[in-house]
Amino acid sequence: MTWRTLTALTLALGACATPPPMAAAPAPDRAAVLRATQRAADQVKRCYRHPKVSRAARLIATTLHVSYAADGTLIGLPEVVGQSGVTDETAVQASLMAEAARLAVIRCQPISLPPELYQRGWDDFELTFRPAGFA
């Protein structure tokens, strides 16, 4: 099983981590991966600030590609790799949703990742923000 086939957790904010494909190293158990996924998402979601957008725009999900150094700081800036839920009505606000996701990742560095998983590619992954369910 590759890392990309693992189901990412959807949390209250909906921040999900999708780890990259693994190298030849033995895979950690699924429970460890799910705990690490939740841990990464929990750290970043605390820094998310809702932009002033319409209720419909809060249905937009934004996926970012992020890379981290061993100390948990970002290598470069988070890159928007996709958005879903964008309609004609919300297209103008999509950039605000993307920027809110990017700023959450920037604000929350350094991130703490489990060292045993970090060495297996957790320095480079995707986070998906689904703020529609966030209270």
C-alpha atoms as a PDB file:
ATOM      1  CA  MET A   1       0.000   0.000   0.000  1.00  0.00           C
ATOM      2  CA  THR A   2       1.386   3.441  -0.859  1.00  0.00           C
ATOM      3  CA  TRP A   3       0.986   6.506   1.321  1.00  0.00           C
ATOM      4  CA  ARG A   4      -1.289   8.124  -1.247  1.00  0.00           C
ATOM      5  CA  THR A   5      -3.824   5.319  -0.913  1.00  0.00           C
ATOM      6  CA  LEU A   6      -4.308   5.943   2.801  1.00  0.00           C
ATOM      7  CA  THR A   7      -7.504   7.687   3.747  1.00  0.00           C
ATOM      8  CA  ALA A   8      -6.822  11.100   5.264  1.00  0.00           C
ATOM      9  CA  LEU A   9      -8.797  12.199   8.284  1.00  0.00           C
ATOM     10  CA  THR A  10     -11.347  14.966   8.038  1.00  0.00           C
ATOM     11  CA  LEU A  11     -11.301  16.981  11.227  1.00  0.00           C
ATOM     12  CA  ALA A  12     -13.577  19.755  12.439  1.00  0.00           C
ATOM     13  CA  LEU A  13     -11.800  22.192  10.162  1.00  0.00           C
ATOM     14  CA  GLY A  14     -11.377  19.528   7.582  1.00  0.00           C
ATOM     15  CA  ALA A  15      -7.620  19.887   7.384  1.00  0.00           C
ATOM     16  CA  CYS A  16      -6.333  16.622   5.976  1.00  0.00           C
ATOM     17  CA  ALA A  17      -2.802  15.492   5.344  1.00  0.00           C
ATOM     18  CA  THR A  18      -2.057  13.265   2.378  1.00  0.00           C
ATOM     19  CA  PRO A  19       1.455  11.857   2.684  1.00  0.00           C
ATOM     20  CA  PRO A  20       3.626  11.251  -0.385  1.00  0.00           C
ATOM     21  CA  PRO A  21       4.483   7.833  -1.830  1.00  0.00           C
ATOM     22  CA  MET A  22       6.913   5.912   0.338  1.00  0.00           C
ATOM     23  CA  ALA A  23      10.401   4.863  -0.624  1.00  0.00           C
ATOM     24  CA  ALA A  24      11.550   1.280  -0.126  1.00  0.00           C
ATOM     25  CA  ALA A  25      11.532   1.580   3.696  1.00  0.00           C
ATOM     26  CA  PRO A  26       9.078  -0.679   5.528  1.00  0.00           C
ATOM     27  CA  ALA A  27       5.717   0.933   6.081  1.00  0.00           C
ATOM     28  CA  PRO A  28       4.673   1.914   9.605  1.00  0.00           C
ATOM     29  CA  ASP A  29       1.397   0.529  10.871  1.00  0.00           C
ATOM     30  CA  ARG A  30      -1.786   2.225   9.693  1.00  0.00           C
ATOM     31  CA  ALA A  31      -2.680   3.430  13.196  1.00  0.00           C
ATOM     32  CA  ALA A  32       0.631   5.310  13.460  1.00  0.00           C
ATOM     33  CA  VAL A  33       0.025   6.959  10.098  1.00  0.00           C
ATOM     34  CA  LEU A  34      -3.518   7.981  11.053  1.00  0.00           C
ATOM     35  CA  ARG A  35      -2.316   9.413  14.389  1.00  0.00           C
ATOM     36  CA  ALA A  36       0.393  11.389  12.600  1.00  0.00           C
ATOM     37  CA  THR A  37      -2.100  12.603   9.999  1.00  0.00           C
ATOM     38  CA  GLN A  38      -4.424  13.850  12.704  1.00  0.00           C
ATOM     39  CA  ARG A  39      -1.547  15.405  14.626  1.00  0.00           C
ATOM     40  CA  ALA A  40      -0.335  17.376  11.591  1.00  0.00           C
ATOM     41  CA  ALA A  41      -3.852  18.533  10.727  1.00  0.00           C
ATOM     42  CA  ASP A  42      -4.618  19.501  14.346  1.00  0.00           C
ATOM     43  CA  GLN A  43      -1.526  21.684  14.506  1.00  0.00           C
ATOM     44  CA  VAL A  44      -2.379  23.585  11.351  1.00  0.00           C
ATOM     45  CA  LYS A  45      -6.126  23.926  11.916  1.00  0.00           C
ATOM     46  CA  ARG A  46      -5.531  25.892  15.132  1.00  0.00           C
ATOM     47  CA  CYS A  47      -3.980  28.642  13.025  1.00  0.00           C
ATOM     48  CA  TYR A  48      -6.780  28.832  10.441  1.00  0.00           C
ATOM     49  CA  ARG A  49      -8.714  32.104  10.372  1.00  0.00           C
ATOM     50  CA  HIS A  50     -11.916  32.264   8.352  1.00  0.00           C
ATOM     51  CA  PRO A  51     -11.836  35.003   5.740  1.00  0.00           C
ATOM     52  CA  LYS A  52     -14.873  37.235   5.366  1.00  0.00           C
ATOM     53  CA  VAL A  53     -16.645  35.340   2.606  1.00  0.00           C
ATOM     54  CA  SER A  54     -20.170  34.224   1.830  1.00  0.00           C
ATOM     55  CA  ARG A  55     -21.606  31.066   3.361  1.00  0.00           C
ATOM     56  CA  ALA A  56     -21.428  29.439  -0.077  1.00  0.00           C
ATOM     57  CA  ALA A  57     -17.701  30.229  -0.353  1.00  0.00           C
ATOM     58  CA  ARG A  58     -17.046  28.313   2.877  1.00  0.00           C
ATOM     59  CA  LEU A  59     -17.857  25.166   0.897  1.00  0.00           C
ATOM     60  CA  ILE A  60     -14.649  25.625  -1.097  1.00  0.00           C
ATOM     61  CA  ALA A  61     -11.967  23.049  -0.263  1.00  0.00           C
ATOM     62  CA  THR A  62      -8.361  24.082  -0.848  1.00  0.00           C
ATOM     63  CA  THR A  63      -5.469  21.633  -1.211  1.00  0.00           C
ATOM     64  CA  LEU A  64      -1.923  22.836  -0.543  1.00  0.00           C
ATOM     65  CA  HIS A  65       1.417  21.176  -1.209  1.00  0.00           C
ATOM     66  CA  VAL A  66       3.799  21.801   1.715  1.00  0.00           C
ATOM     67  CA  SER A  67       7.432  20.893   2.384  1.00  0.00           C
ATOM     68  CA  TYR A  68       9.122  20.980   5.773  1.00  0.00           C
ATOM     69  CA  ALA A  69      12.726  21.003   6.972  1.00  0.00           C
ATOM     70  CA  ALA A  70      13.794  18.622   9.741  1.00  0.00           C
ATOM     71  CA  ASP A  71      13.193  21.360  12.338  1.00  0.00           C
ATOM     72  CA  GLY A  72       9.543  21.664  11.242  1.00  0.00           C
ATOM     73  CA  THR A  73       9.881  24.988   9.440  1.00  0.00           C
ATOM     74  CA  LEU A  74       8.587  25.420   5.913  1.00  0.00           C
ATOM     75  CA  ILE A  75      10.819  24.954   2.915  1.00  0.00           C
ATOM     76  CA  GLY A  76       9.397  27.567   0.601  1.00  0.00           C
ATOM     77  CA  LEU A  77       5.793  28.690   0.695  1.00  0.00           C
ATOM     78  CA  PRO A  78       2.730  26.433   0.612  1.00  0.00           C
ATOM     79  CA  GLU A  79       1.516  25.975  -2.961  1.00  0.00           C
ATOM     80  CA  VAL A  80      -2.159  25.753  -3.895  1.00  0.00           C
ATOM     81  CA  VAL A  81      -2.533  22.588  -5.964  1.00  0.00           C
ATOM     82  CA  GLY A  82      -6.297  22.563  -6.251  1.00  0.00           C
ATOM     83  CA  GLN A  83      -9.683  23.759  -5.120  1.00  0.00           C
ATOM     84  CA  SER A  84     -13.082  22.129  -5.269  1.00  0.00           C
ATOM     85  CA  GLY A  85     -16.524  23.536  -4.636  1.00  0.00           C
ATOM     86  CA  VAL A  86     -15.863  26.707  -6.620  1.00  0.00           C
ATOM     87  CA  THR A  87     -19.002  27.939  -8.398  1.00  0.00           C
ATOM     88  CA  ASP A  88     -19.757  30.981 -10.532  1.00  0.00           C
ATOM     89  CA  GLU A  89     -21.121  32.596  -7.375  1.00  0.00           C
ATOM     90  CA  THR A  90     -17.988  31.895  -5.289  1.00  0.00           C
ATOM     91  CA  ALA A  91     -15.212  32.157  -7.898  1.00  0.00           C
ATOM     92  CA  VAL A  92     -14.246  35.669  -6.796  1.00  0.00           C
ATOM     93  CA  GLN A  93     -13.848  34.477  -3.196  1.00  0.00           C
ATOM     94  CA  ALA A  94     -11.821  31.346  -4.008  1.00  0.00           C
ATOM     95  CA  SER A  95      -8.543  33.251  -3.747  1.00  0.00           C
ATOM     96  CA  LEU A  96      -9.483  34.420  -0.234  1.00  0.00           C
ATOM     97  CA  MET A  97     -10.099  30.819   0.815  1.00  0.00           C
ATOM     98  CA  ALA A  98      -6.775  29.741  -0.694  1.00  0.00           C
ATOM     99  CA  GLU A  99      -4.905  32.531   1.078  1.00  0.00           C
ATOM    100  CA  ALA A 100      -6.531  31.656   4.426  1.00  0.00           C
ATOM    101  CA  ALA A 101      -5.280  28.073   4.050  1.00  0.00           C
ATOM    102  CA  ARG A 102      -1.779  29.226   3.068  1.00  0.00           C
ATOM    103  CA  LEU A 103      -1.588  31.613   6.023  1.00  0.00           C
ATOM    104  CA  ALA A 104      -2.661  28.876   8.454  1.00  0.00           C
ATOM    105  CA  VAL A 105       0.291  26.737   7.377  1.00  0.00           C
ATOM    106  CA  ILE A 106       2.702  29.683   7.548  1.00  0.00           C
ATOM    107  CA  ARG A 107       1.473  30.770  11.004  1.00  0.00           C
ATOM    108  CA  CYS A 108       1.770  27.279  12.469  1.00  0.00           C
ATOM    109  CA  GLN A 109       5.377  26.575  11.751  1.00  0.00           C
ATOM    110  CA  PRO A 110       7.331  24.890  13.072  1.00  0.00           C
ATOM    111  CA  ILE A 111       5.166  21.810  12.835  1.00  0.00           C
ATOM    112  CA  SER A 112       6.001  18.759  14.916  1.00  0.00           C
ATOM    113  CA  LEU A 113       6.078  15.508  12.962  1.00  0.00           C
ATOM    114  CA  PRO A 114       6.937  12.074  14.379  1.00  0.00           C
ATOM    115  CA  PRO A 115      10.636  11.491  13.552  1.00  0.00           C
ATOM    116  CA  GLU A 116      10.087   7.893  12.431  1.00  0.00           C
ATOM    117  CA  LEU A 117       7.514   9.009   9.855  1.00  0.00           C
ATOM    118  CA  TYR A 118       9.383  12.176   8.933  1.00  0.00           C
ATOM    119  CA  GLN A 119      12.258  10.045   7.677  1.00  0.00           C
ATOM    120  CA  ARG A 120       9.806   8.255   5.385  1.00  0.00           C
ATOM    121  CA  GLY A 121       8.648  11.275   3.409  1.00  0.00           C
ATOM    122  CA  TRP A 122       6.479  13.259   5.793  1.00  0.00           C
ATOM    123  CA  ASP A 123       8.503  16.340   5.011  1.00  0.00           C
ATOM    124  CA  ASP A 124       6.563  16.723   1.763  1.00  0.00           C
ATOM    125  CA  PHE A 125       2.782  16.260   1.640  1.00  0.00           C
ATOM    126  CA  GLU A 126      -0.592  17.822   0.879  1.00  0.00           C
ATOM    127  CA  LEU A 127      -3.058  19.408   3.272  1.00  0.00           C
ATOM    128  CA  THR A 128      -6.699  19.866   2.313  1.00  0.00           C
ATOM    129  CA  PHE A 129      -8.760  22.505   4.094  1.00  0.00           C
ATOM    130  CA  ARG A 130     -12.532  21.984   4.223  1.00  0.00           C
ATOM    131  CA  PRO A 131     -13.729  24.768   6.526  1.00  0.00           C
ATOM    132  CA  ALA A 132     -17.472  24.306   5.854  1.00  0.00           C
ATOM    133  CA  GLY A 133     -17.959  22.267   9.030  1.00  0.00           C
ATOM    134  CA  PHE A 134     -15.795  24.433  11.261  1.00  0.00           C
ATOM    135  CA  ALA A 135     -17.765  26.023  14.104  1.00  0.00           C
END
